[in-house]
């Protein structure tokens, strides 16, 4: 049971010499809960689609359901700084819902202030906006809606690969500017067929991408902490590479599909990028902080990276002076790949289901836990 797990974590912490977690759970109310959701603001777009539930105005479509059960539901997009709307509610909230697209950064300092906090829910996939070690130490449960937007992200990755390979963006810009220069596009436009594509990470999203790439007759490579079984490898036509640094220089196209952890933060630094094939294309819909921001910008400027595309930045929203906005040969967007309307409906339904389980004291689906009873999920260790 979710609440039982929190209590067990508190007892473990208490017996090991820390009483803060036990005190936190004793003072948390057992009835009405204060739930805070942090989502991006849609403004005039909020009413353009009745299924646009992932914005602050719609709040995942769960307000009536929550309030009918006597719970308080606060929704905001104001999440940064000591005077933000989120900060006002930190001391007495029980549940915080956030998304990777407009993340509420839950630092150790905020966790310390949040005396009643029990559950951190990610509406989507990827909970690196939470200080997971601090959450584990505090006996909190961190969970996400696993699988809710895997198809959305994998499709987006395939689109970005084609955009880079075909040198699409300069062609589009020519049309907007009233220009017509075929040579200016064609001199660096290629077919995807026959290219070597490697994914760093082959979990749910990486595997879906490899499946979608198979019809393009590419040479498919993957690196992951877990090797696929031989039947799956044969079906997809992908080859396992145990050593990521041996795989990367082989690739014409590299796709990042791993979570942001202490081990992967800044993994693609100046030195590793220098070892990549000159003219490599990189797609990153995982997390911006996996890359060294300036190293990527410099490599794009020199041409060592011939094209870089993704929708993840650090921090988010990206500041106006972020170097990726202005580097050449990029096809960047805001963080949109996992928040299609279809994905929103899936993660909204998933959040409602998990809140219902939380209120009833029931377990979540095992794959949804990121922190449970003081233990981090394997991918974050």
Protein backbone atom coordinates (compact mmCIF):
# COMPACT_ATOMS: atom_id res chain seq x y z
CA UNK A 1 0.00 0.00 0.00
CA UNK A 2 1.30 3.47 -0.90
CA UNK A 3 0.74 4.99 2.56
CA UNK A 4 1.93 1.86 4.28
CA UNK A 5 5.14 2.08 2.28
CA UNK A 6 5.65 5.65 3.46
CA UNK A 7 5.13 4.54 7.04
CA UNK A 8 7.58 1.67 6.64
CA UNK A 9 10.17 4.07 5.26
CA UNK A 10 9.61 6.31 8.25
CA UNK A 11 10.16 3.45 10.69
CA UNK A 12 13.35 2.41 8.89
CA UNK A 13 14.66 5.98 9.03
CA UNK A 14 13.74 6.31 12.69
CA UNK A 15 15.47 3.10 13.71
CA UNK A 16 18.59 4.16 11.83
CA UNK A 17 18.81 7.37 13.82
CA UNK A 18 16.72 9.90 11.88
CA UNK A 19 13.32 10.96 13.23
CA UNK A 20 12.44 13.57 10.56
CA UNK A 21 10.60 11.13 8.29
CA UNK A 22 8.56 9.66 11.12
CA UNK A 23 7.53 13.13 12.30
CA UNK A 24 6.57 14.09 8.77
CA UNK A 25 4.21 11.12 8.36
CA UNK A 26 2.68 11.46 11.84
CA UNK A 27 1.66 15.05 11.07
CA UNK A 28 0.29 14.30 7.60
CA UNK A 29 -3.51 14.31 7.61
CA UNK A 30 -5.26 11.02 6.91
CA UNK A 31 -8.37 12.55 5.33
CA UNK A 32 -8.57 15.50 2.97
CA UNK A 33 -5.38 16.05 0.95
CA UNK A 34 -3.89 19.18 -0.54
CA UNK A 35 -2.76 18.40 -4.08
CA UNK A 36 -0.76 20.87 -6.17
CA UNK A 37 -0.36 20.50 -9.93
CA UNK A 38 2.26 22.40 -11.93
CA UNK A 39 1.57 22.55 -15.68
CA UNK A 40 2.36 24.88 -18.58
CA UNK A 41 -0.09 27.68 -19.29
CA UNK A 42 -2.06 27.38 -22.52
CA UNK A 43 -3.67 30.84 -22.57
CA UNK A 44 -5.74 31.28 -25.75
CA UNK A 45 -5.06 27.69 -26.84
CA UNK A 46 -6.71 26.16 -23.78
CA UNK A 47 -10.19 26.12 -25.30
CA UNK A 48 -9.20 25.14 -28.83
CA UNK A 49 -9.31 21.44 -28.11
CA UNK A 50 -11.52 19.83 -25.45
CA UNK A 51 -8.89 17.11 -24.97
CA UNK A 52 -6.10 19.60 -24.25
CA UNK A 53 -6.04 18.44 -20.61
CA UNK A 54 -2.31 18.78 -19.93
CA UNK A 55 -2.32 22.55 -19.50
CA UNK A 56 -2.74 24.56 -16.31
CA UNK A 57 -6.21 25.70 -17.33
CA UNK A 58 -7.47 22.10 -17.60
CA UNK A 59 -5.31 20.60 -14.82
CA UNK A 60 -5.53 17.06 -16.26
CA UNK A 61 -9.31 17.24 -16.06
CA UNK A 62 -9.40 15.89 -12.49
CA UNK A 63 -10.55 18.93 -10.50
CA UNK A 64 -14.23 17.96 -10.17
CA UNK A 65 -13.29 14.40 -9.23
CA UNK A 66 -10.83 15.53 -6.56
CA UNK A 67 -13.05 18.20 -5.06
CA UNK A 68 -16.05 15.87 -4.97
CA UNK A 69 -14.02 13.70 -2.60
CA UNK A 70 -13.16 16.61 -0.35
CA UNK A 71 -9.61 17.21 -1.56
CA UNK A 72 -8.08 20.60 -2.31
CA UNK A 73 -6.59 21.03 -5.79
CA UNK A 74 -4.29 23.95 -6.58
CA UNK A 75 -3.01 24.35 -10.14
CA UNK A 76 -0.35 26.82 -11.25
CA UNK A 77 2.34 27.40 -13.85
CA UNK A 78 4.31 29.68 -11.49
CA UNK A 79 7.04 27.43 -10.15
CA UNK A 80 10.35 29.26 -9.80
CA UNK A 81 11.76 31.29 -6.96
CA UNK A 82 10.93 32.02 -3.32
CA UNK A 83 7.86 34.11 -4.17
CA UNK A 84 6.31 31.74 -6.71
CA UNK A 85 2.81 30.34 -6.31
CA UNK A 86 4.26 26.84 -5.89
CA UNK A 87 6.53 27.96 -3.08
CA UNK A 88 3.55 29.28 -1.11
CA UNK A 89 2.05 25.78 -1.00
CA UNK A 90 5.22 23.79 -0.32
CA UNK A 91 4.85 23.78 3.50
CA UNK A 92 1.43 22.07 3.60
CA UNK A 93 0.90 20.16 0.35
CA UNK A 94 0.56 16.37 0.44
CA UNK A 95 0.91 15.58 -3.26
CA UNK A 96 2.81 17.44 -5.98
CA UNK A 97 2.08 16.66 -9.62
CA UNK A 98 4.42 17.97 -12.29
CA UNK A 99 5.40 17.23 -15.88
CA UNK A 100 8.71 16.99 -17.72
CA UNK A 101 7.45 19.70 -20.10
CA UNK A 102 7.17 22.40 -17.43
CA UNK A 103 8.97 20.78 -14.50
CA UNK A 104 8.63 21.86 -10.92
CA UNK A 105 12.19 21.44 -9.66
CA UNK A 106 11.90 19.68 -6.32
CA UNK A 107 15.16 20.35 -4.56
CA UNK A 108 16.38 19.00 -1.23
CA UNK A 109 15.58 22.41 0.24
CA UNK A 110 11.98 22.24 -0.95
CA UNK A 111 11.63 18.69 0.34
CA UNK A 112 12.86 19.82 3.74
CA UNK A 113 10.22 22.59 3.81
CA UNK A 114 7.42 20.27 2.67
CA UNK A 115 6.56 18.74 6.06
CA UNK A 116 3.33 17.11 4.86
CA UNK A 117 4.56 15.93 1.46
CA UNK A 118 4.04 12.22 0.80
CA UNK A 119 3.82 11.72 -2.96
CA UNK A 120 5.54 13.23 -6.00
CA UNK A 121 3.82 12.31 -9.26
CA UNK A 122 5.19 12.91 -12.76
CA UNK A 123 2.47 13.26 -15.38
CA UNK A 124 4.55 11.65 -18.10
CA UNK A 125 7.96 9.96 -18.02
CA UNK A 126 11.16 11.18 -16.38
CA UNK A 127 11.43 12.32 -12.78
CA UNK A 128 14.89 13.92 -12.82
CA UNK A 129 13.36 17.27 -11.85
CA UNK A 130 13.18 15.74 -8.35
CA UNK A 131 16.22 15.38 -6.10
CA UNK A 132 15.64 11.63 -5.91
CA UNK A 133 18.21 10.95 -3.20
CA UNK A 134 16.67 13.60 -0.97
CA UNK A 135 13.21 12.20 -1.69
CA UNK A 136 14.36 8.69 -0.80
CA UNK A 137 16.00 9.90 2.41
CA UNK A 138 12.79 11.69 3.38
CA UNK A 139 10.69 8.56 2.86
CA UNK A 140 8.72 10.03 -0.03
CA UNK A 141 7.17 8.07 -2.87
CA UNK A 142 8.09 9.26 -6.36
CA UNK A 143 6.18 7.76 -9.27
CA UNK A 144 5.40 8.44 -12.92
CA UNK A 145 3.03 7.25 -15.62
CA UNK A 146 5.31 4.73 -17.29
CA UNK A 147 4.50 4.12 -20.94
CA UNK A 148 2.11 7.05 -21.23
CA UNK A 149 4.04 8.87 -23.94
CA UNK A 150 6.59 6.36 -25.23
CA UNK A 151 4.95 6.15 -28.67
CA UNK A 152 4.73 9.94 -28.83
CA UNK A 153 8.44 10.41 -28.13
CA UNK A 154 9.60 7.58 -30.42
CA UNK A 155 7.57 8.98 -33.32
CA UNK A 156 9.02 12.42 -32.67
CA UNK A 157 12.56 11.03 -32.68
CA UNK A 158 12.01 9.41 -36.06
CA UNK A 159 10.68 12.70 -37.40
CA UNK A 160 13.76 14.56 -36.15
CA UNK A 161 16.12 12.02 -37.71
CA UNK A 162 14.47 12.58 -41.10
CA UNK A 163 14.46 16.35 -40.65
CA UNK A 164 18.22 16.33 -40.05
CA UNK A 165 19.12 13.74 -42.70
CA UNK A 166 17.13 15.55 -45.39
CA UNK A 167 18.31 19.03 -44.33
CA UNK A 168 14.68 20.06 -44.07
CA UNK A 169 14.93 23.20 -41.94
CA UNK A 170 16.97 25.32 -44.41
CA UNK A 171 14.49 24.42 -47.14
CA UNK A 172 11.57 25.51 -45.00
CA UNK A 173 13.37 28.74 -44.12
CA UNK A 174 13.94 29.47 -47.81
CA UNK A 175 10.22 29.25 -48.49
CA UNK A 176 9.40 31.57 -45.59
CA UNK A 177 11.98 34.10 -46.80
CA UNK A 178 10.80 33.99 -50.42
CA UNK A 179 14.00 32.32 -51.60
CA UNK A 180 14.66 29.38 -53.97
CA UNK A 181 18.10 27.75 -53.83
CA UNK A 182 18.01 23.97 -54.33
CA UNK A 183 21.79 23.67 -54.06
CA UNK A 184 21.74 25.34 -50.66
CA UNK A 185 19.73 22.38 -49.37
CA UNK A 186 20.86 19.47 -51.53
CA UNK A 187 24.59 19.77 -50.81
CA UNK A 188 24.02 18.21 -47.38
CA UNK A 189 20.81 16.19 -47.80
CA UNK A 190 21.02 12.39 -47.66
CA UNK A 191 18.93 9.21 -47.65
CA UNK A 192 18.37 7.47 -44.33
CA UNK A 193 18.76 4.06 -45.94
CA UNK A 194 22.14 2.49 -45.29
CA UNK A 195 23.10 4.83 -42.47
CA UNK A 196 24.29 3.56 -39.10
CA UNK A 197 21.93 4.67 -36.35
CA UNK A 198 22.82 4.07 -32.71
CA UNK A 199 20.60 4.63 -29.70
CA UNK A 200 22.16 5.21 -26.32
CA UNK A 201 19.48 3.56 -24.24
CA UNK A 202 17.02 0.97 -25.53
CA UNK A 203 14.23 0.91 -23.00
CA UNK A 204 10.61 1.43 -23.97
CA UNK A 205 11.24 4.48 -26.18
CA UNK A 206 14.54 3.29 -27.64
CA UNK A 207 13.08 -0.07 -28.56
CA UNK A 208 10.06 1.53 -30.25
CA UNK A 209 12.39 3.78 -32.24
CA UNK A 210 14.46 0.82 -33.42
CA UNK A 211 11.30 -0.97 -34.51
CA UNK A 212 10.20 2.05 -36.50
CA UNK A 213 13.62 2.42 -38.12
CA UNK A 214 13.75 -1.18 -39.36
CA UNK A 215 11.82 -0.52 -42.62
CA UNK A 216 14.37 2.16 -43.55
CA UNK A 217 17.08 -0.50 -43.94
CA UNK A 218 19.54 1.14 -41.60
CA UNK A 219 22.38 -0.48 -39.69
CA UNK A 220 20.88 -0.40 -36.18
CA UNK A 221 23.03 -0.42 -33.02
CA UNK A 222 22.06 0.01 -29.39
CA UNK A 223 23.75 0.39 -26.04
CA UNK A 224 21.83 -0.26 -22.85
CA UNK A 225 22.43 -1.61 -19.36
CA UNK A 226 20.25 -4.58 -20.36
CA UNK A 227 20.72 -6.64 -23.49
CA UNK A 228 17.58 -7.62 -25.39
CA UNK A 229 16.85 -11.31 -25.81
CA UNK A 230 18.08 -12.78 -29.08
CA UNK A 231 14.59 -13.17 -30.55
CA UNK A 232 13.80 -9.45 -30.02
CA UNK A 233 17.16 -8.42 -31.45
CA UNK A 234 16.56 -10.56 -34.51
CA UNK A 235 13.03 -9.21 -34.98
CA UNK A 236 14.20 -5.60 -34.77
CA UNK A 237 17.49 -6.21 -36.57
CA UNK A 238 19.56 -4.35 -33.97
CA UNK A 239 23.03 -5.18 -32.68
CA UNK A 240 23.98 -4.78 -29.02
CA UNK A 241 27.07 -2.71 -28.23
CA UNK A 242 28.32 -3.28 -24.70
CA UNK A 243 30.84 -0.42 -24.84
CA UNK A 244 29.15 2.88 -25.59
CA UNK A 245 32.43 4.55 -26.52
CA UNK A 246 33.10 1.81 -29.06
CA UNK A 247 29.63 2.26 -30.57
CA UNK A 248 29.47 6.03 -30.87
CA UNK A 249 32.24 6.58 -33.49
CA UNK A 250 30.51 4.04 -35.78
CA UNK A 251 27.31 6.06 -35.93
CA UNK A 252 26.15 8.45 -38.60
CA UNK A 253 23.19 9.26 -36.36
CA UNK A 254 23.08 9.08 -32.56
CA UNK A 255 19.83 9.14 -30.58
CA UNK A 256 19.83 9.73 -26.83
CA UNK A 257 17.30 7.55 -24.99
CA UNK A 258 18.56 7.27 -21.43
CA UNK A 259 17.43 8.93 -18.20
CA UNK A 260 19.29 11.80 -16.60
CA UNK A 261 21.20 10.51 -13.58
CA UNK A 262 24.37 11.48 -11.77
CA UNK A 263 26.23 9.13 -14.13
CA UNK A 264 24.72 10.49 -17.36
CA UNK A 265 24.75 14.21 -16.51
CA UNK A 266 27.15 15.93 -18.88
CA UNK A 267 28.02 12.58 -20.47
CA UNK A 268 28.42 14.12 -23.93
CA UNK A 269 31.20 16.56 -23.11
CA UNK A 270 33.83 18.14 -25.35
CA UNK A 271 36.10 15.09 -25.20
CA UNK A 272 33.41 12.52 -26.04
CA UNK A 273 31.95 14.67 -28.82
CA UNK A 274 35.42 15.02 -30.38
CA UNK A 275 35.56 11.22 -30.75
CA UNK A 276 32.33 11.08 -32.74
CA UNK A 277 32.33 10.78 -36.53
CA UNK A 278 32.76 14.18 -38.17
CA UNK A 279 29.40 15.23 -39.55
CA UNK A 280 27.41 13.15 -37.06
CA UNK A 281 23.73 13.91 -36.51
CA UNK A 282 22.36 13.84 -32.94
CA UNK A 283 18.77 13.61 -31.73
CA UNK A 284 18.12 14.13 -28.04
CA UNK A 285 14.59 13.92 -26.66
CA UNK A 286 15.85 12.47 -23.36
CA UNK A 287 17.22 15.29 -21.19
CA UNK A 288 19.19 18.40 -22.07
CA UNK A 289 21.59 18.08 -19.17
CA UNK A 290 22.99 14.82 -20.59
CA UNK A 291 24.83 17.09 -23.03
CA UNK A 292 27.45 19.72 -22.27
CA UNK A 293 25.54 22.73 -23.57
CA UNK A 294 28.48 24.77 -24.83
CA UNK A 295 30.30 21.73 -26.22
CA UNK A 296 27.28 20.94 -28.42
CA UNK A 297 27.02 24.55 -29.60
CA UNK A 298 30.74 24.68 -30.41
CA UNK A 299 30.63 21.36 -32.30
CA UNK A 300 27.64 22.54 -34.35
CA UNK A 301 29.49 25.77 -35.15
CA UNK A 302 32.61 23.89 -36.29
CA UNK A 303 30.61 21.34 -38.30
CA UNK A 304 31.81 18.38 -36.26
CA UNK A 305 28.13 17.91 -35.40
CA UNK A 306 26.35 18.42 -38.73
CA UNK A 307 22.92 18.62 -37.13
CA UNK A 308 21.39 18.57 -33.67
CA UNK A 309 17.70 18.22 -32.90
CA UNK A 310 15.67 17.66 -29.78
CA UNK A 311 13.09 19.16 -27.50
CA UNK A 312 14.88 18.99 -24.15
CA UNK A 313 16.88 21.80 -22.61
CA UNK A 314 18.38 22.70 -19.27
CA UNK A 315 16.84 24.51 -17.58
CA UNK A 316 13.27 24.48 -18.81
CA UNK A 317 11.83 26.76 -20.02
CA UNK A 318 15.09 27.60 -21.82
CA UNK A 319 16.29 31.18 -21.28
CA UNK A 320 16.30 33.49 -24.27
CA UNK A 321 20.11 33.51 -24.36
CA UNK A 322 20.48 29.71 -24.36
CA UNK A 323 23.23 28.95 -26.93
CA UNK A 324 21.23 26.17 -28.57
CA UNK A 325 18.73 28.76 -29.81
CA UNK A 326 21.40 30.38 -31.97
CA UNK A 327 23.80 27.59 -32.98
CA UNK A 328 23.86 26.61 -36.67
CA UNK A 329 22.34 23.43 -38.09
CA UNK A 330 19.84 22.77 -35.34
CA UNK A 331 16.19 21.72 -35.36
CA UNK A 332 15.28 22.41 -31.75
CA UNK A 333 11.78 22.93 -30.36
CA UNK A 334 10.32 23.46 -26.90
CA UNK A 335 9.70 20.25 -24.94
CA UNK A 336 6.74 18.91 -26.90
CA UNK A 337 7.44 15.33 -27.99
CA UNK A 338 5.65 13.64 -25.10
CA UNK A 339 2.73 16.01 -24.71
CA UNK A 340 0.64 15.29 -27.79
CA UNK A 341 -3.08 15.29 -27.17
CA UNK A 342 -3.05 11.49 -27.21
CA UNK A 343 -0.25 11.40 -24.65
CA UNK A 344 -2.03 13.96 -22.45
CA UNK A 345 -5.13 11.78 -22.29
CA UNK A 346 -3.00 8.77 -21.33
CA UNK A 347 -1.00 10.48 -18.59
CA UNK A 348 -4.07 12.29 -17.25
CA UNK A 349 -5.85 8.95 -16.90
CA UNK A 350 -2.74 7.48 -15.31
CA UNK A 351 -2.49 10.27 -12.75
CA UNK A 352 -6.15 9.83 -11.79
CA UNK A 353 -5.68 6.08 -11.39
CA UNK A 354 -2.61 6.52 -9.20
CA UNK A 355 -4.22 9.18 -7.04
CA UNK A 356 -7.19 6.86 -6.56
CA UNK A 357 -4.81 4.10 -5.47
CA UNK A 358 -3.02 6.54 -3.16
CA UNK A 359 -6.27 7.59 -1.48
CA UNK A 360 -7.21 3.93 -1.01
CA UNK A 361 -3.77 2.97 0.27
CA UNK A 362 -3.14 0.62 -2.64
CA UNK A 363 0.09 -0.17 -4.46
CA UNK A 364 0.93 1.49 -7.77
CA UNK A 365 1.88 -0.61 -10.80
CA UNK A 366 5.46 -1.70 -10.00
CA UNK A 367 6.94 -0.15 -13.14
CA UNK A 368 5.64 3.30 -12.12
CA UNK A 369 7.76 3.62 -8.99
CA UNK A 370 10.88 5.78 -9.18
CA UNK A 371 11.41 5.96 -5.41
CA UNK A 372 9.76 3.43 -3.14
CA UNK A 373 10.57 2.75 0.52
CA UNK A 374 13.84 4.67 0.27
CA UNK A 375 15.03 2.77 -2.84
CA UNK A 376 15.60 4.27 -6.28
CA UNK A 377 14.50 2.47 -9.43
CA UNK A 378 17.42 0.68 -11.13
CA UNK A 379 17.68 3.17 -14.01
CA UNK A 380 18.34 6.00 -11.55
CA UNK A 381 20.95 4.25 -9.41
